[in-house]
Amino acid sequence: LNLVGSEEEYGKEIGGDIKEGKRTLMVVHALRALPEEKSSRLLEILRMQTSDRELIREAIRLIVEAGSVEYSKRVARELVERAWAEVEGVLPESRQKEGLRELARFLVERSR
């Protein structure tokens, strides 16, 4: 989620995926959810692979406006829950299983 939070908190450059023009789940969702004009603008910024902080902030605003950050968090939670449901009945209760449970929780709930 290198679109939200601060660089100090995240430990990496905010908007790095936009700078690299990556088509992440958030970007694909935004491109589909935004009106044509805004979707085209987001795509234009991504194709630039720019380091311009203002353009990166504009792209982030569009992605947030589309509800794509929350959508991606929801998808991540659902995937972890489905995966955990598969593991739950197979692994016996143990410290290791609890460790996996905590890791799954961390991956979904982390802010950076």
PDB file of N, CA and C in Angstrom:
ATOM      1  N   LEU A   1       0.840  -1.185   0.000  1.00  0.00           N
ATOM      2  CA  LEU A   1       0.000   0.000   0.000  1.00  0.00           C
ATOM      3  C   LEU A   1       0.877   1.237   0.000  1.00  0.00           C
ATOM      4  N   ASN A   2       1.689   1.374  -0.988  1.00  0.00           N
ATOM      5  CA  ASN A   2       2.587   2.527  -0.943  1.00  0.00           C
ATOM      6  C   ASN A   2       1.931   3.790  -1.489  1.00  0.00           C
ATOM      7  N   LEU A   3       0.633   3.910  -1.267  1.00  0.00           N
ATOM      8  CA  LEU A   3      -0.083   5.118  -1.667  1.00  0.00           C
ATOM      9  C   LEU A   3      -0.595   5.892  -0.469  1.00  0.00           C
ATOM     10  N   VAL A   4      -0.658   5.252   0.665  1.00  0.00           N
ATOM     11  CA  VAL A   4      -1.208   5.894   1.854  1.00  0.00           C
ATOM     12  C   VAL A   4      -0.177   5.866   2.970  1.00  0.00           C
ATOM     13  N   GLY A   5      -0.301   6.772   3.919  1.00  0.00           N
ATOM     14  CA  GLY A   5       0.638   6.844   5.021  1.00  0.00           C
ATOM     15  C   GLY A   5       1.766   7.810   4.706  1.00  0.00           C
ATOM     16  N   SER A   6       2.795   7.756   5.526  1.00  0.00           N
ATOM     17  CA  SER A   6       3.949   8.634   5.328  1.00  0.00           C
ATOM     18  C   SER A   6       5.157   7.786   4.944  1.00  0.00           C
ATOM     19  N   GLU A   7       6.119   8.430   4.297  1.00  0.00           N
ATOM     20  CA  GLU A   7       7.317   7.706   3.884  1.00  0.00           C
ATOM     21  C   GLU A   7       8.080   7.184   5.098  1.00  0.00           C
ATOM     22  N   GLU A   8       8.059   7.943   6.205  1.00  0.00           N
ATOM     23  CA  GLU A   8       8.748   7.499   7.414  1.00  0.00           C
ATOM     24  C   GLU A   8       8.086   6.235   7.960  1.00  0.00           C
ATOM     25  N   GLU A   9       6.760   6.241   7.974  1.00  0.00           N
ATOM     26  CA  GLU A   9       6.005   5.097   8.491  1.00  0.00           C
ATOM     27  C   GLU A   9       6.129   3.898   7.556  1.00  0.00           C
ATOM     28  N   TYR A  10       6.037   4.154   6.262  1.00  0.00           N
ATOM     29  CA  TYR A  10       6.035   3.083   5.269  1.00  0.00           C
ATOM     30  C   TYR A  10       7.428   2.506   5.042  1.00  0.00           C
ATOM     31  N   GLY A  11       8.438   3.368   5.137  1.00  0.00           N
ATOM     32  CA  GLY A  11       9.801   2.906   4.927  1.00  0.00           C
ATOM     33  C   GLY A  11      10.211   2.898   3.465  1.00  0.00           C
ATOM     34  N   LYS A  12       9.320   3.328   2.605  1.00  0.00           N
ATOM     35  CA  LYS A  12       9.598   3.423   1.169  1.00  0.00           C
ATOM     36  C   LYS A  12       8.944   4.688   0.645  1.00  0.00           C
ATOM     37  N   GLU A  13       9.291   5.025  -0.565  1.00  0.00           N
ATOM     38  CA  GLU A  13       8.729   6.204  -1.211  1.00  0.00           C
ATOM     39  C   GLU A  13       7.228   6.030  -1.444  1.00  0.00           C
ATOM     40  N   ILE A  14       6.439   7.003  -1.012  1.00  0.00           N
ATOM     41  CA  ILE A  14       5.000   6.971  -1.266  1.00  0.00           C
ATOM     42  C   ILE A  14       4.774   7.233  -2.754  1.00  0.00           C
ATOM     43  N   GLY A  15       3.964   6.394  -3.368  1.00  0.00           N
ATOM     44  CA  GLY A  15       3.655   6.555  -4.786  1.00  0.00           C
ATOM     45  C   GLY A  15       4.662   5.916  -5.722  1.00  0.00           C
ATOM     46  N   GLY A  16       5.536   5.091  -5.182  1.00  0.00           N
ATOM     47  CA  GLY A  16       6.551   4.444  -6.020  1.00  0.00           C
ATOM     48  C   GLY A  16       5.954   3.615  -7.147  1.00  0.00           C
ATOM     49  N   ASP A  17       4.829   2.961  -6.876  1.00  0.00           N
ATOM     50  CA  ASP A  17       4.176   2.160  -7.921  1.00  0.00           C
ATOM     51  C   ASP A  17       3.653   3.044  -9.046  1.00  0.00           C
ATOM     52  N   ILE A  18       3.201   4.243  -8.710  1.00  0.00           N
ATOM     53  CA  ILE A  18       2.735   5.185  -9.736  1.00  0.00           C
ATOM     54  C   ILE A  18       3.926   5.657 -10.551  1.00  0.00           C
ATOM     55  N   LYS A  19       4.997   6.009  -9.871  1.00  0.00           N
ATOM     56  CA  LYS A  19       6.226   6.449 -10.538  1.00  0.00           C
ATOM     57  C   LYS A  19       6.700   5.406 -11.546  1.00  0.00           C
ATOM     58  N   GLU A  20       6.534   4.132 -11.188  1.00  0.00           N
ATOM     59  CA  GLU A  20       6.966   3.044 -12.069  1.00  0.00           C
ATOM     60  C   GLU A  20       5.891   2.636 -13.069  1.00  0.00           C
ATOM     61  N   GLY A  21       4.709   3.244 -12.968  1.00  0.00           N
ATOM     62  CA  GLY A  21       3.627   2.931 -13.902  1.00  0.00           C
ATOM     63  C   GLY A  21       3.010   1.561 -13.702  1.00  0.00           C
ATOM     64  N   LYS A  22       3.131   1.013 -12.495  1.00  0.00           N
ATOM     65  CA  LYS A  22       2.620  -0.336 -12.231  1.00  0.00           C
ATOM     66  C   LYS A  22       1.098  -0.373 -12.254  1.00  0.00           C
ATOM     67  N   ARG A  23       0.558  -1.460 -12.768  1.00  0.00           N
ATOM     68  CA  ARG A  23      -0.898  -1.673 -12.805  1.00  0.00           C
ATOM     69  C   ARG A  23      -1.270  -2.586 -11.639  1.00  0.00           C
ATOM     70  N   THR A  24      -1.331  -2.014 -10.456  1.00  0.00           N
ATOM     71  CA  THR A  24      -1.683  -2.768  -9.256  1.00  0.00           C
ATOM     72  C   THR A  24      -3.192  -2.974  -9.201  1.00  0.00           C
ATOM     73  N   LEU A  25      -3.632  -3.766  -8.239  1.00  0.00           N
ATOM     74  CA  LEU A  25      -5.066  -3.977  -8.052  1.00  0.00           C
ATOM     75  C   LEU A  25      -5.780  -2.646  -7.849  1.00  0.00           C
ATOM     76  N   MET A  26      -5.181  -1.758  -7.048  1.00  0.00           N
ATOM     77  CA  MET A  26      -5.799  -0.445  -6.815  1.00  0.00           C
ATOM     78  C   MET A  26      -5.934   0.341  -8.108  1.00  0.00           C
ATOM     79  N   VAL A  27      -4.912   0.320  -8.924  1.00  0.00           N
ATOM     80  CA  VAL A  27      -4.934   1.071 -10.183  1.00  0.00           C
ATOM     81  C   VAL A  27      -5.981   0.494 -11.130  1.00  0.00           C
ATOM     82  N   VAL A  28      -6.002  -0.807 -11.282  1.00  0.00           N
ATOM     83  CA  VAL A  28      -6.977  -1.440 -12.179  1.00  0.00           C
ATOM     84  C   VAL A  28      -8.396  -1.129 -11.712  1.00  0.00           C
ATOM     85  N   HIS A  29      -8.627  -1.215 -10.409  1.00  0.00           N
ATOM     86  CA  HIS A  29      -9.955  -0.884  -9.875  1.00  0.00           C
ATOM     87  C   HIS A  29     -10.303   0.567 -10.190  1.00  0.00           C
ATOM     88  N   ALA A  30      -9.366   1.478  -9.947  1.00  0.00           N
ATOM     89  CA  ALA A  30      -9.619   2.901 -10.202  1.00  0.00           C
ATOM     90  C   ALA A  30      -9.912   3.156 -11.673  1.00  0.00           C
ATOM     91  N   LEU A  31      -9.152   2.532 -12.556  1.00  0.00           N
ATOM     92  CA  LEU A  31      -9.370   2.733 -13.991  1.00  0.00           C
ATOM     93  C   LEU A  31     -10.771   2.299 -14.406  1.00  0.00           C
ATOM     94  N   ARG A  32     -11.284   1.268 -13.765  1.00  0.00           N
ATOM     95  CA  ARG A  32     -12.633   0.783 -14.085  1.00  0.00           C
ATOM     96  C   ARG A  32     -13.723   1.596 -13.395  1.00  0.00           C
ATOM     97  N   ALA A  33     -13.431   2.109 -12.194  1.00  0.00           N
ATOM     98  CA  ALA A  33     -14.456   2.779 -11.387  1.00  0.00           C
ATOM     99  C   ALA A  33     -14.613   4.265 -11.706  1.00  0.00           C
ATOM    100  N   LEU A  34     -13.550   4.892 -12.157  1.00  0.00           N
ATOM    101  CA  LEU A  34     -13.600   6.333 -12.418  1.00  0.00           C
ATOM    102  C   LEU A  34     -14.329   6.642 -13.720  1.00  0.00           C
ATOM    103  N   PRO A  35     -14.897   7.841 -13.817  1.00  0.00           N
ATOM    104  CA  PRO A  35     -15.456   8.284 -15.099  1.00  0.00           C
ATOM    105  C   PRO A  35     -14.342   8.337 -16.148  1.00  0.00           C
ATOM    106  N   GLU A  36     -14.710   8.246 -17.398  1.00  0.00           N
ATOM    107  CA  GLU A  36     -13.756   8.165 -18.515  1.00  0.00           C
ATOM    108  C   GLU A  36     -12.668   9.236 -18.448  1.00  0.00           C
ATOM    109  N   GLU A  37     -13.039  10.466 -18.211  1.00  0.00           N
ATOM    110  CA  GLU A  37     -12.063  11.563 -18.206  1.00  0.00           C
ATOM    111  C   GLU A  37     -11.009  11.369 -17.115  1.00  0.00           C
ATOM    112  N   LYS A  38     -11.448  10.993 -15.937  1.00  0.00           N
ATOM    113  CA  LYS A  38     -10.515  10.798 -14.825  1.00  0.00           C
ATOM    114  C   LYS A  38      -9.696   9.524 -15.002  1.00  0.00           C
ATOM    115  N   SER A  39     -10.308   8.497 -15.536  1.00  0.00           N
ATOM    116  CA  SER A  39      -9.595   7.255 -15.816  1.00  0.00           C
ATOM    117  C   SER A  39      -8.484   7.501 -16.839  1.00  0.00           C
ATOM    118  N   SER A  40      -8.800   8.262 -17.867  1.00  0.00           N
ATOM    119  CA  SER A  40      -7.802   8.601 -18.891  1.00  0.00           C
ATOM    120  C   SER A  40      -6.656   9.399 -18.295  1.00  0.00           C
ATOM    121  N   ARG A  41      -6.987  10.316 -17.394  1.00  0.00           N
ATOM    122  CA  ARG A  41      -5.952  11.129 -16.754  1.00  0.00           C
ATOM    123  C   ARG A  41      -5.035  10.248 -15.900  1.00  0.00           C
ATOM    124  N   LEU A  42      -5.605   9.337 -15.147  1.00  0.00           N
ATOM    125  CA  LEU A  42      -4.797   8.426 -14.331  1.00  0.00           C
ATOM    126  C   LEU A  42      -3.874   7.603 -15.223  1.00  0.00           C
ATOM    127  N   LEU A  43      -4.402   7.083 -16.297  1.00  0.00           N
ATOM    128  CA  LEU A  43      -3.599   6.289 -17.226  1.00  0.00           C
ATOM    129  C   LEU A  43      -2.474   7.129 -17.831  1.00  0.00           C
ATOM    130  N   GLU A  44      -2.780   8.367 -18.155  1.00  0.00           N
ATOM    131  CA  GLU A  44      -1.774   9.280 -18.708  1.00  0.00           C
ATOM    132  C   GLU A  44      -0.618   9.472 -17.720  1.00  0.00           C
ATOM    133  N   ILE A  45      -0.952   9.695 -16.457  1.00  0.00           N
ATOM    134  CA  ILE A  45       0.088   9.878 -15.435  1.00  0.00           C
ATOM    135  C   ILE A  45       0.917   8.606 -15.278  1.00  0.00           C
ATOM    136  N   LEU A  46       0.260   7.454 -15.258  1.00  0.00           N
ATOM    137  CA  LEU A  46       0.985   6.188 -15.116  1.00  0.00           C
ATOM    138  C   LEU A  46       1.950   5.967 -16.271  1.00  0.00           C
ATOM    139  N   ARG A  47       1.517   6.289 -17.469  1.00  0.00           N
ATOM    140  CA  ARG A  47       2.377   6.090 -18.648  1.00  0.00           C
ATOM    141  C   ARG A  47       3.604   6.994 -18.624  1.00  0.00           C
ATOM    142  N   MET A  48       3.501   8.132 -17.931  1.00  0.00           N
ATOM    143  CA  MET A  48       4.640   9.060 -17.833  1.00  0.00           C
ATOM    144  C   MET A  48       5.785   8.469 -17.019  1.00  0.00           C
ATOM    145  N   GLN A  49       5.460   7.581 -16.085  1.00  0.00           N
ATOM    146  CA  GLN A  49       6.450   7.060 -15.132  1.00  0.00           C
ATOM    147  C   GLN A  49       7.265   8.221 -14.562  1.00  0.00           C
ATOM    148  N   THR A  50       6.541   9.180 -14.017  1.00  0.00           N
ATOM    149  CA  THR A  50       7.106  10.446 -13.575  1.00  0.00           C
ATOM    150  C   THR A  50       7.533  10.439 -12.116  1.00  0.00           C
ATOM    151  N   SER A  51       8.477  11.296 -11.798  1.00  0.00           N
ATOM    152  CA  SER A  51       8.893  11.530 -10.415  1.00  0.00           C
ATOM    153  C   SER A  51       8.266  12.807  -9.871  1.00  0.00           C
ATOM    154  N   ASP A  52       7.486  13.490 -10.683  1.00  0.00           N
ATOM    155  CA  ASP A  52       6.851  14.747 -10.284  1.00  0.00           C
ATOM    156  C   ASP A  52       5.877  14.487  -9.135  1.00  0.00           C
ATOM    157  N   ARG A  53       6.186  15.040  -7.959  1.00  0.00           N
ATOM    158  CA  ARG A  53       5.393  14.778  -6.756  1.00  0.00           C
ATOM    159  C   ARG A  53       3.946  15.237  -6.916  1.00  0.00           C
ATOM    160  N   GLU A  54       3.720  16.338  -7.622  1.00  0.00           N
ATOM    161  CA  GLU A  54       2.351  16.832  -7.797  1.00  0.00           C
ATOM    162  C   GLU A  54       1.534  15.876  -8.665  1.00  0.00           C
ATOM    163  N   LEU A  55       2.135  15.340  -9.718  1.00  0.00           N
ATOM    164  CA  LEU A  55       1.427  14.370 -10.566  1.00  0.00           C
ATOM    165  C   LEU A  55       1.149  13.080  -9.795  1.00  0.00           C
ATOM    166  N   ILE A  56       2.104  12.663  -8.992  1.00  0.00           N
ATOM    167  CA  ILE A  56       1.902  11.461  -8.174  1.00  0.00           C
ATOM    168  C   ILE A  56       0.768  11.690  -7.182  1.00  0.00           C
ATOM    169  N   ARG A  57       0.750  12.874  -6.550  1.00  0.00           N
ATOM    170  CA  ARG A  57      -0.351  13.198  -5.625  1.00  0.00           C
ATOM    171  C   ARG A  57      -1.694  13.226  -6.351  1.00  0.00           C
ATOM    172  N   GLU A  58      -1.714  13.735  -7.576  1.00  0.00           N
ATOM    173  CA  GLU A  58      -2.952  13.750  -8.366  1.00  0.00           C
ATOM    174  C   GLU A  58      -3.439  12.322  -8.629  1.00  0.00           C
ATOM    175  N   ALA A  59      -2.522  11.449  -8.997  1.00  0.00           N
ATOM    176  CA  ALA A  59      -2.887  10.048  -9.248  1.00  0.00           C
ATOM    177  C   ALA A  59      -3.418   9.397  -7.975  1.00  0.00           C
ATOM    178  N   ILE A  60      -2.776   9.668  -6.853  1.00  0.00           N
ATOM    179  CA  ILE A  60      -3.237   9.108  -5.578  1.00  0.00           C
ATOM    180  C   ILE A  60      -4.637   9.613  -5.261  1.00  0.00           C
ATOM    181  N   ARG A  61      -4.884  10.897  -5.475  1.00  0.00           N
ATOM    182  CA  ARG A  61      -6.229  11.450  -5.230  1.00  0.00           C
ATOM    183  C   ARG A  61      -7.274  10.729  -6.076  1.00  0.00           C
ATOM    184  N   LEU A  62      -6.954  10.456  -7.331  1.00  0.00           N
ATOM    185  CA  LEU A  62      -7.898   9.754  -8.209  1.00  0.00           C
ATOM    186  C   LEU A  62      -8.160   8.334  -7.710  1.00  0.00           C
ATOM    187  N   ILE A  63      -7.116   7.661  -7.289  1.00  0.00           N
ATOM    188  CA  ILE A  63      -7.252   6.289  -6.791  1.00  0.00           C
ATOM    189  C   ILE A  63      -8.092   6.262  -5.515  1.00  0.00           C
ATOM    190  N   VAL A  64      -7.849   7.216  -4.628  1.00  0.00           N
ATOM    191  CA  VAL A  64      -8.632   7.306  -3.389  1.00  0.00           C
ATOM    192  C   VAL A  64     -10.080   7.650  -3.713  1.00  0.00           C
ATOM    193  N   GLU A  65     -10.281   8.602  -4.618  1.00  0.00           N
ATOM    194  CA  GLU A  65     -11.632   9.009  -5.026  1.00  0.00           C
ATOM    195  C   GLU A  65     -12.436   7.830  -5.563  1.00  0.00           C
ATOM    196  N   ALA A  66     -11.778   6.933  -6.263  1.00  0.00           N
ATOM    197  CA  ALA A  66     -12.446   5.765  -6.845  1.00  0.00           C
ATOM    198  C   ALA A  66     -12.797   4.712  -5.795  1.00  0.00           C
ATOM    199  N   GLY A  67     -12.301   4.881  -4.571  1.00  0.00           N
ATOM    200  CA  GLY A  67     -12.548   3.884  -3.524  1.00  0.00           C
ATOM    201  C   GLY A  67     -11.637   2.679  -3.647  1.00  0.00           C
ATOM    202  N   SER A  68     -10.553   2.837  -4.375  1.00  0.00           N
ATOM    203  CA  SER A  68      -9.690   1.699  -4.696  1.00  0.00           C
ATOM    204  C   SER A  68      -8.818   1.227  -3.545  1.00  0.00           C
ATOM    205  N   VAL A  69      -8.473   2.125  -2.629  1.00  0.00           N
ATOM    206  CA  VAL A  69      -7.674   1.709  -1.473  1.00  0.00           C
ATOM    207  C   VAL A  69      -8.513   0.789  -0.595  1.00  0.00           C
ATOM    208  N   GLU A  70      -9.731   1.221  -0.293  1.00  0.00           N
ATOM    209  CA  GLU A  70     -10.622   0.396   0.530  1.00  0.00           C
ATOM    210  C   GLU A  70     -10.983  -0.905  -0.185  1.00  0.00           C
ATOM    211  N   TYR A  71     -11.192  -0.838  -1.485  1.00  0.00           N
ATOM    212  CA  TYR A  71     -11.490  -2.045  -2.268  1.00  0.00           C
ATOM    213  C   TYR A  71     -10.343  -3.048  -2.135  1.00  0.00           C
ATOM    214  N   SER A  72      -9.114  -2.582  -2.282  1.00  0.00           N
ATOM    215  CA  SER A  72      -7.950  -3.467  -2.208  1.00  0.00           C
ATOM    216  C   SER A  72      -7.790  -4.073  -0.823  1.00  0.00           C
ATOM    217  N   LYS A  73      -8.059  -3.270   0.211  1.00  0.00           N
ATOM    218  CA  LYS A  73      -7.995  -3.805   1.574  1.00  0.00           C
ATOM    219  C   LYS A  73      -9.050  -4.887   1.772  1.00  0.00           C
ATOM    220  N   ARG A  74     -10.237  -4.657   1.232  1.00  0.00           N
ATOM    221  CA  ARG A  74     -11.324  -5.637   1.357  1.00  0.00           C
ATOM    222  C   ARG A  74     -10.960  -6.936   0.638  1.00  0.00           C
ATOM    223  N   VAL A  75     -10.400  -6.829  -0.560  1.00  0.00           N
ATOM    224  CA  VAL A  75      -9.985  -8.020  -1.315  1.00  0.00           C
ATOM    225  C   VAL A  75      -8.899  -8.773  -0.549  1.00  0.00           C
ATOM    226  N   ALA A  76      -7.940  -8.052   0.006  1.00  0.00           N
ATOM    227  CA  ALA A  76      -6.867  -8.701   0.770  1.00  0.00           C
ATOM    228  C   ALA A  76      -7.435  -9.454   1.967  1.00  0.00           C
ATOM    229  N   ARG A  77      -8.355  -8.814   2.695  1.00  0.00           N
ATOM    230  CA  ARG A  77      -8.978  -9.483   3.851  1.00  0.00           C
ATOM    231  C   ARG A  77      -9.694 -10.757   3.414  1.00  0.00           C
ATOM    232  N   GLU A  78     -10.453 -10.665   2.324  1.00  0.00           N
ATOM    233  CA  GLU A  78     -11.200 -11.832   1.845  1.00  0.00           C
ATOM    234  C   GLU A  78     -10.268 -12.965   1.438  1.00  0.00           C
ATOM    235  N   LEU A  79      -9.176 -12.637   0.764  1.00  0.00           N
ATOM    236  CA  LEU A  79      -8.223 -13.671   0.345  1.00  0.00           C
ATOM    237  C   LEU A  79      -7.560 -14.342   1.544  1.00  0.00           C
ATOM    238  N   VAL A  80      -7.184 -13.546   2.531  1.00  0.00           N
ATOM    239  CA  VAL A  80      -6.563 -14.114   3.733  1.00  0.00           C
ATOM    240  C   VAL A  80      -7.567 -14.987   4.473  1.00  0.00           C
ATOM    241  N   GLU A  81      -8.804 -14.528   4.581  1.00  0.00           N
ATOM    242  CA  GLU A  81      -9.833 -15.324   5.260  1.00  0.00           C
ATOM    243  C   GLU A  81     -10.077 -16.647   4.547  1.00  0.00           C
ATOM    244  N   ARG A  82     -10.129 -16.614   3.223  1.00  0.00           N
ATOM    245  CA  ARG A  82     -10.333 -17.858   2.465  1.00  0.00           C
ATOM    246  C   ARG A  82      -9.147 -18.798   2.623  1.00  0.00           C
ATOM    247  N   ALA A  83      -7.939 -18.237   2.559  1.00  0.00           N
ATOM    248  CA  ALA A  83      -6.744 -19.070   2.722  1.00  0.00           C
ATOM    249  C   ALA A  83      -6.697 -19.657   4.132  1.00  0.00           C
ATOM    250  N   TRP A  84      -7.036 -18.825   5.125  1.00  0.00           N
ATOM    251  CA  TRP A  84      -7.004 -19.311   6.499  1.00  0.00           C
ATOM    252  C   TRP A  84      -8.033 -20.408   6.715  1.00  0.00           C
ATOM    253  N   ALA A  85      -9.183 -20.304   6.086  1.00  0.00           N
ATOM    254  CA  ALA A  85     -10.218 -21.337   6.215  1.00  0.00           C
ATOM    255  C   ALA A  85      -9.691 -22.684   5.719  1.00  0.00           C
ATOM    256  N   GLU A  86      -8.848 -22.665   4.698  1.00  0.00           N
ATOM    257  CA  GLU A  86      -8.251 -23.899   4.180  1.00  0.00           C
ATOM    258  C   GLU A  86      -7.242 -24.486   5.167  1.00  0.00           C
ATOM    259  N   VAL A  87      -6.481 -23.625   5.822  1.00  0.00           N
ATOM    260  CA  VAL A  87      -5.427 -24.064   6.736  1.00  0.00           C
ATOM    261  C   VAL A  87      -5.995 -24.467   8.093  1.00  0.00           C
ATOM    262  N   GLU A  88      -7.019 -23.776   8.528  1.00  0.00           N
ATOM    263  CA  GLU A  88      -7.581 -23.944   9.876  1.00  0.00           C
ATOM    264  C   GLU A  88      -7.834 -25.404  10.243  1.00  0.00           C
ATOM    265  N   GLY A  89      -8.492 -26.136   9.383  1.00  0.00           N
ATOM    266  CA  GLY A  89      -8.840 -27.516   9.699  1.00  0.00           C
ATOM    267  C   GLY A  89      -7.721 -28.512   9.497  1.00  0.00           C
ATOM    268  N   VAL A  90      -6.656 -28.102   8.838  1.00  0.00           N
ATOM    269  CA  VAL A  90      -5.568 -29.022   8.513  1.00  0.00           C
ATOM    270  C   VAL A  90      -4.479 -29.019   9.579  1.00  0.00           C
ATOM    271  N   LEU A  91      -4.153 -27.854  10.085  1.00  0.00           N
ATOM    272  CA  LEU A  91      -3.068 -27.749  11.058  1.00  0.00           C
ATOM    273  C   LEU A  91      -3.588 -27.906  12.482  1.00  0.00           C
ATOM    274  N   PRO A  92      -2.893 -28.689  13.290  1.00  0.00           N
ATOM    275  CA  PRO A  92      -3.293 -28.803  14.703  1.00  0.00           C
ATOM    276  C   PRO A  92      -2.947 -27.501  15.432  1.00  0.00           C
ATOM    277  N   GLU A  93      -3.641 -27.245  16.533  1.00  0.00           N
ATOM    278  CA  GLU A  93      -3.339 -26.056  17.331  1.00  0.00           C
ATOM    279  C   GLU A  93      -1.903 -26.155  17.840  1.00  0.00           C
ATOM    280  N   SER A  94      -1.154 -25.078  17.660  1.00  0.00           N
ATOM    281  CA  SER A  94       0.242 -25.035  18.096  1.00  0.00           C
ATOM    282  C   SER A  94       0.711 -23.581  18.096  1.00  0.00           C
ATOM    283  N   ARG A  95       1.905 -23.369  18.626  1.00  0.00           N
ATOM    284  CA  ARG A  95       2.499 -22.025  18.585  1.00  0.00           C
ATOM    285  C   ARG A  95       2.730 -21.605  17.146  1.00  0.00           C
ATOM    286  N   GLN A  96       3.127 -22.551  16.311  1.00  0.00           N
ATOM    287  CA  GLN A  96       3.396 -22.239  14.915  1.00  0.00           C
ATOM    288  C   GLN A  96       2.118 -21.808  14.191  1.00  0.00           C
ATOM    289  N   LYS A  97       1.034 -22.511  14.479  1.00  0.00           N
ATOM    290  CA  LYS A  97      -0.244 -22.152  13.859  1.00  0.00           C
ATOM    291  C   LYS A  97      -0.675 -20.765  14.324  1.00  0.00           C
ATOM    292  N   GLU A  98      -0.490 -20.493  15.604  1.00  0.00           N
ATOM    293  CA  GLU A  98      -0.833 -19.161  16.124  1.00  0.00           C
ATOM    294  C   GLU A  98       0.047 -18.094  15.468  1.00  0.00           C
ATOM    295  N   GLY A  99       1.312 -18.428  15.222  1.00  0.00           N
ATOM    296  CA  GLY A  99       2.215 -17.506  14.527  1.00  0.00           C
ATOM    297  C   GLY A  99       1.726 -17.202  13.121  1.00  0.00           C
ATOM    298  N   LEU A 100       1.271 -18.230  12.416  1.00  0.00           N
ATOM    299  CA  LEU A 100       0.704 -18.024  11.075  1.00  0.00           C
ATOM    300  C   LEU A 100      -0.544 -17.155  11.133  1.00  0.00           C
ATOM    301  N   ARG A 101      -1.368 -17.400  12.140  1.00  0.00           N
ATOM    302  CA  ARG A 101      -2.590 -16.608  12.314  1.00  0.00           C
ATOM    303  C   ARG A 101      -2.235 -15.132  12.522  1.00  0.00           C
ATOM    304  N   GLU A 102      -1.250 -14.872  13.363  1.00  0.00           N
ATOM    305  CA  GLU A 102      -0.813 -13.491  13.626  1.00  0.00           C
ATOM    306  C   GLU A 102      -0.222 -12.853  12.373  1.00  0.00           C
ATOM    307  N   LEU A 103       0.557 -13.618  11.613  1.00  0.00           N
ATOM    308  CA  LEU A 103       1.128 -13.106  10.367  1.00  0.00           C
ATOM    309  C   LEU A 103       0.022 -12.723   9.393  1.00  0.00           C
ATOM    310  N   ALA A 104      -0.964 -13.578   9.250  1.00  0.00           N
ATOM    311  CA  ALA A 104      -2.091 -13.289   8.353  1.00  0.00           C
ATOM    312  C   ALA A 104      -2.803 -12.018   8.796  1.00  0.00           C
ATOM    313  N   ARG A 105      -3.029 -11.883  10.091  1.00  0.00           N
ATOM    314  CA  ARG A 105      -3.679 -10.679  10.633  1.00  0.00           C
ATOM    315  C   ARG A 105      -2.845  -9.437  10.338  1.00  0.00           C
ATOM    316  N   PHE A 106      -1.544  -9.537  10.549  1.00  0.00           N
ATOM    317  CA  PHE A 106      -0.642  -8.411  10.313  1.00  0.00           C
ATOM    318  C   PHE A 106      -0.672  -7.985   8.848  1.00  0.00           C
ATOM    319  N   LEU A 107      -0.610  -8.949   7.949  1.00  0.00           N
ATOM    320  CA  LEU A 107      -0.573  -8.628   6.523  1.00  0.00           C
ATOM    321  C   LEU A 107      -1.805  -7.860   6.073  1.00  0.00           C
ATOM    322  N   VAL A 108      -2.942  -8.173   6.646  1.00  0.00           N
ATOM    323  CA  VAL A 108      -4.185  -7.512   6.259  1.00  0.00           C
ATOM    324  C   VAL A 108      -4.355  -6.168   6.962  1.00  0.00           C
ATOM    325  N   GLU A 109      -3.930  -6.080   8.198  1.00  0.00           N
ATOM    326  CA  GLU A 109      -4.205  -4.883   8.991  1.00  0.00           C
ATOM    327  C   GLU A 109      -3.099  -3.842   8.953  1.00  0.00           C
ATOM    328  N   ARG A 110      -1.949  -4.180   8.427  1.00  0.00           N
ATOM    329  CA  ARG A 110      -0.840  -3.223   8.449  1.00  0.00           C
ATOM    330  C   ARG A 110      -1.182  -1.977   7.654  1.00  0.00           C
ATOM    331  N   SER A 111      -0.575  -0.887   8.042  1.00  0.00           N
ATOM    332  CA  SER A 111      -0.824   0.375   7.355  1.00  0.00           C
ATOM    333  C   SER A 111       0.307   0.718   6.413  1.00  0.00           C
ATOM    334  N   ARG A 112       1.345  -0.071   6.423  1.00  0.00           N
ATOM    335  CA  ARG A 112       2.458   0.230   5.534  1.00  0.00           C
ATOM    336  C   ARG A 112       2.916  -0.999   4.810  1.00  0.00           C
TER     337      ARG A 112
END
